[in-house]
Amino acid sequence: MGEDSRTLNKGPMHFVTVIKDGLSHEFDCAEGEDVLRAMKRANLTVVPVGCRGGGCGVCKVEILGGDFSAGRMSRAHITFDDEQSGRAALACRMYPRGEVTVVPVGRLFKNLKAKMEEVQKVAKQD
C-alpha cells in the first residue's frame, strides 16, 4: 500500500524506454535484471529476441541515453568502440543502473531493411 512501484524486494527499479516506429514503450527493470527479461515481464515485444546469450546480435540496441553496465557481448555485433562509448549494447546483456532510452537496431532490422531495399530496386525495374 502506497509503495512506490519502482521498488520491489529485489531493490530499486530502473525506468527503460524503447523507441520503436516513432512510439515510446516504457517499463521498469529490476536492479541486476537485463532489459530483455524486464521487457518480457512487462508483456512487451518491442526488442527482437534471439539467443539471449550475447552472441547473435538480434537484440542490439542503440543507446540514446542513460547509465548501464553490460555483460559479455559478441565482438561481431558490438565493437570495442561501441562498448567503450556506450553507444550500443545487446539488450540481453544490458543491465540498467538508472533510466535508459534505447532504439532497436539489431541484425533482424538490418536484414529487413536490406530486403525492403531489394524489393524497391526490383519494383523500379518493372
C-alpha atoms as a PDB file:
ATOM      1  CA  MET A   1       0.000   0.000   0.000  1.00  0.00           C
ATOM      2  CA  GLY A   2       1.420   3.285  -1.040  1.00  0.00           C
ATOM      3  CA  GLU A   3       4.640   1.534  -2.033  1.00  0.00           C
ATOM      4  CA  ASP A   4       6.486   3.155  -4.917  1.00  0.00           C
ATOM      5  CA  SER A   5       6.047   0.875  -7.958  1.00  0.00           C
ATOM      6  CA  ARG A   6       9.727   1.441  -8.768  1.00  0.00           C
ATOM      7  CA  THR A   7      10.877  -0.556  -5.720  1.00  0.00           C
ATOM      8  CA  LEU A   8      10.438  -4.263  -5.207  1.00  0.00           C
ATOM      9  CA  ASN A   9      12.034  -6.817  -2.929  1.00  0.00           C
ATOM     10  CA  LYS A  10      14.935  -7.047  -5.386  1.00  0.00           C
ATOM     11  CA  GLY A  11      15.878  -3.404  -4.822  1.00  0.00           C
ATOM     12  CA  PRO A  12      15.459  -0.314  -6.959  1.00  0.00           C
ATOM     13  CA  MET A  13      13.734  -0.394 -10.324  1.00  0.00           C
ATOM     14  CA  HIS A  14      15.090   1.454 -13.332  1.00  0.00           C
ATOM     15  CA  PHE A  15      12.881   3.019 -15.984  1.00  0.00           C
ATOM     16  CA  VAL A  16      13.546   1.787 -19.552  1.00  0.00           C
ATOM     17  CA  THR A  17      12.176   3.493 -22.667  1.00  0.00           C
ATOM     18  CA  VAL A  18      12.320   1.732 -26.035  1.00  0.00           C
ATOM     19  CA  ILE A  19      11.580   3.908 -29.051  1.00  0.00           C
ATOM     20  CA  LYS A  20      10.308   1.876 -31.994  1.00  0.00           C
ATOM     21  CA  ASP A  21       8.446   3.120 -35.072  1.00  0.00           C
ATOM     22  CA  GLY A  22       8.162   6.564 -33.506  1.00  0.00           C
ATOM     23  CA  LEU A  23       6.414   5.253 -30.376  1.00  0.00           C
ATOM     24  CA  SER A  24       7.776   5.109 -26.826  1.00  0.00           C
ATOM     25  CA  HIS A  25       7.344   1.857 -24.907  1.00  0.00           C
ATOM     26  CA  GLU A  26       8.188   2.092 -21.214  1.00  0.00           C
ATOM     27  CA  PHE A  27       8.759  -0.474 -18.493  1.00  0.00           C
ATOM     28  CA  ASP A  28      10.634  -0.994 -15.236  1.00  0.00           C
ATOM     29  CA  CYS A  29      13.764  -3.091 -14.968  1.00  0.00           C
ATOM     30  CA  ALA A  30      14.841  -4.506 -11.612  1.00  0.00           C
ATOM     31  CA  GLU A  31      18.366  -3.984 -10.301  1.00  0.00           C
ATOM     32  CA  GLY A  32      20.559  -6.679 -11.896  1.00  0.00           C
ATOM     33  CA  GLU A  33      17.899  -7.670 -14.454  1.00  0.00           C
ATOM     34  CA  ASP A  34      18.679  -7.496 -18.170  1.00  0.00           C
ATOM     35  CA  VAL A  35      16.496  -5.390 -20.459  1.00  0.00           C
ATOM     36  CA  LEU A  36      15.069  -8.385 -22.377  1.00  0.00           C
ATOM     37  CA  ARG A  37      13.850 -10.123 -19.212  1.00  0.00           C
ATOM     38  CA  ALA A  38      12.270  -6.905 -17.954  1.00  0.00           C
ATOM     39  CA  MET A  39      10.597  -6.383 -21.332  1.00  0.00           C
ATOM     40  CA  LYS A  40       9.152  -9.908 -21.213  1.00  0.00           C
ATOM     41  CA  ARG A  41       7.963  -9.380 -17.638  1.00  0.00           C
ATOM     42  CA  ALA A  42       6.148  -6.237 -18.864  1.00  0.00           C
ATOM     43  CA  ASN A  43       4.490  -8.291 -21.674  1.00  0.00           C
ATOM     44  CA  LEU A  44       6.146  -6.227 -24.409  1.00  0.00           C
ATOM     45  CA  THR A  45       7.842  -7.380 -27.616  1.00  0.00           C
ATOM     46  CA  VAL A  46       9.491  -4.176 -28.838  1.00  0.00           C
ATOM     47  CA  VAL A  47      13.066  -5.540 -28.976  1.00  0.00           C
ATOM     48  CA  PRO A  48      13.566  -8.728 -31.003  1.00  0.00           C
ATOM     49  CA  VAL A  49      14.759 -11.742 -29.017  1.00  0.00           C
ATOM     50  CA  GLY A  50      17.382 -14.156 -30.270  1.00  0.00           C
ATOM     51  CA  CYS A  51      19.813 -16.380 -28.391  1.00  0.00           C
ATOM     52  CA  ARG A  52      19.656 -14.416 -25.083  1.00  0.00           C
ATOM     53  CA  GLY A  53      23.348 -15.172 -24.648  1.00  0.00           C
ATOM     54  CA  GLY A  54      25.058 -12.148 -26.203  1.00  0.00           C
ATOM     55  CA  GLY A  55      26.081 -13.928 -29.399  1.00  0.00           C
ATOM     56  CA  CYS A  56      23.563 -13.415 -32.188  1.00  0.00           C
ATOM     57  CA  GLY A  57      23.102  -9.622 -32.281  1.00  0.00           C
ATOM     58  CA  VAL A  58      19.348  -9.776 -32.834  1.00  0.00           C
ATOM     59  CA  CYS A  59      18.646  -7.680 -29.721  1.00  0.00           C
ATOM     60  CA  LYS A  60      21.208  -4.941 -30.482  1.00  0.00           C
ATOM     61  CA  VAL A  61      20.069  -1.510 -29.348  1.00  0.00           C
ATOM     62  CA  GLU A  62      21.404   1.986 -29.873  1.00  0.00           C
ATOM     63  CA  ILE A  63      21.717   3.823 -26.564  1.00  0.00           C
ATOM     64  CA  LEU A  64      20.161   7.287 -26.687  1.00  0.00           C
ATOM     65  CA  GLY A  65      20.808   7.999 -23.035  1.00  0.00           C
ATOM     66  CA  GLY A  66      21.200   6.560 -19.590  1.00  0.00           C
ATOM     67  CA  ASP A  67      23.535   4.587 -17.389  1.00  0.00           C
ATOM     68  CA  PHE A  68      24.004   0.825 -17.618  1.00  0.00           C
ATOM     69  CA  SER A  69      26.500  -1.967 -17.240  1.00  0.00           C
ATOM     70  CA  ALA A  70      26.941  -4.712 -19.792  1.00  0.00           C
ATOM     71  CA  GLY A  71      27.842  -8.366 -19.667  1.00  0.00           C
ATOM     72  CA  ARG A  72      29.963 -10.152 -22.233  1.00  0.00           C
ATOM     73  CA  MET A  73      28.836  -9.493 -25.836  1.00  0.00           C
ATOM     74  CA  SER A  74      29.982 -10.788 -29.223  1.00  0.00           C
ATOM     75  CA  ARG A  75      32.539  -8.536 -30.955  1.00  0.00           C
ATOM     76  CA  ALA A  76      30.845  -9.480 -34.238  1.00  0.00           C
ATOM     77  CA  HIS A  77      27.914  -7.280 -33.170  1.00  0.00           C
ATOM     78  CA  ILE A  78      29.260  -4.820 -30.586  1.00  0.00           C
ATOM     79  CA  THR A  79      32.623  -3.219 -31.342  1.00  0.00           C
ATOM     80  CA  PHE A  80      35.107  -2.200 -28.685  1.00  0.00           C
ATOM     81  CA  ASP A  81      34.343   1.453 -29.556  1.00  0.00           C
ATOM     82  CA  ASP A  82      30.574   0.835 -29.193  1.00  0.00           C
ATOM     83  CA  GLU A  83      31.127  -0.715 -25.793  1.00  0.00           C
ATOM     84  CA  GLN A  84      33.537   1.934 -24.521  1.00  0.00           C
ATOM     85  CA  SER A  85      31.421   4.855 -25.721  1.00  0.00           C
ATOM     86  CA  GLY A  86      28.141   3.348 -24.523  1.00  0.00           C
ATOM     87  CA  ARG A  87      26.557   3.902 -27.953  1.00  0.00           C
ATOM     88  CA  ALA A  88      25.266   0.351 -28.409  1.00  0.00           C
ATOM     89  CA  ALA A  89      24.689  -2.869 -26.492  1.00  0.00           C
ATOM     90  CA  LEU A  90      22.864  -6.163 -26.713  1.00  0.00           C
ATOM     91  CA  ALA A  91      19.664  -5.897 -24.669  1.00  0.00           C
ATOM     92  CA  CYS A  92      20.167  -9.425 -23.318  1.00  0.00           C
ATOM     93  CA  ARG A  93      23.446  -8.277 -21.714  1.00  0.00           C
ATOM     94  CA  MET A  94      22.385  -4.758 -20.734  1.00  0.00           C
ATOM     95  CA  TYR A  95      21.735  -4.021 -17.043  1.00  0.00           C
ATOM     96  CA  PRO A  96      20.360  -0.510 -16.365  1.00  0.00           C
ATOM     97  CA  ARG A  97      21.773   1.447 -13.411  1.00  0.00           C
ATOM     98  CA  GLY A  98      19.311   4.296 -13.926  1.00  0.00           C
ATOM     99  CA  GLU A  99      16.846   5.478 -16.533  1.00  0.00           C
ATOM    100  CA  VAL A 100      17.782   4.270 -20.034  1.00  0.00           C
ATOM    101  CA  THR A 101      16.447   5.070 -23.517  1.00  0.00           C
ATOM    102  CA  VAL A 102      17.199   2.749 -26.447  1.00  0.00           C
ATOM    103  CA  VAL A 103      16.264   2.095 -30.083  1.00  0.00           C
ATOM    104  CA  PRO A 104      16.342  -1.468 -31.541  1.00  0.00           C
ATOM    105  CA  VAL A 105      18.896  -1.756 -34.371  1.00  0.00           C
ATOM    106  CA  GLY A 106      19.769  -5.468 -34.292  1.00  0.00           C
ATOM    107  CA  ARG A 107      20.573  -7.832 -37.126  1.00  0.00           C
ATOM    108  CA  LEU A 108      16.880  -8.511 -37.686  1.00  0.00           C
ATOM    109  CA  PHE A 109      16.280  -4.850 -38.559  1.00  0.00           C
ATOM    110  CA  LYS A 110      19.329  -4.674 -40.862  1.00  0.00           C
ATOM    111  CA  ASN A 111      18.131  -7.771 -42.741  1.00  0.00           C
ATOM    112  CA  LEU A 112      14.625  -6.347 -43.063  1.00  0.00           C
ATOM    113  CA  LYS A 113      15.967  -3.015 -44.348  1.00  0.00           C
ATOM    114  CA  ALA A 114      18.143  -4.799 -46.920  1.00  0.00           C
ATOM    115  CA  LYS A 115      15.162  -6.878 -48.122  1.00  0.00           C
ATOM    116  CA  MET A 116      12.990  -3.770 -48.445  1.00  0.00           C
ATOM    117  CA  GLU A 117      15.692  -2.017 -50.482  1.00  0.00           C
ATOM    118  CA  GLU A 118      15.975  -5.091 -52.726  1.00  0.00           C
ATOM    119  CA  VAL A 119      12.200  -5.184 -53.278  1.00  0.00           C
ATOM    120  CA  GLN A 120      12.153  -1.458 -54.077  1.00  0.00           C
ATOM    121  CA  LYS A 121      15.010  -1.880 -56.564  1.00  0.00           C
ATOM    122  CA  VAL A 122      13.177  -4.715 -58.348  1.00  0.00           C
ATOM    123  CA  ALA A 123       9.926  -2.696 -58.367  1.00  0.00           C
ATOM    124  CA  LYS A 124      11.706   0.244 -60.058  1.00  0.00           C
ATOM    125  CA  GLN A 125      12.944  -2.076 -62.835  1.00  0.00           C
ATOM    126  CA  ASP A 126       9.395  -3.102 -63.758  1.00  0.00           C
END
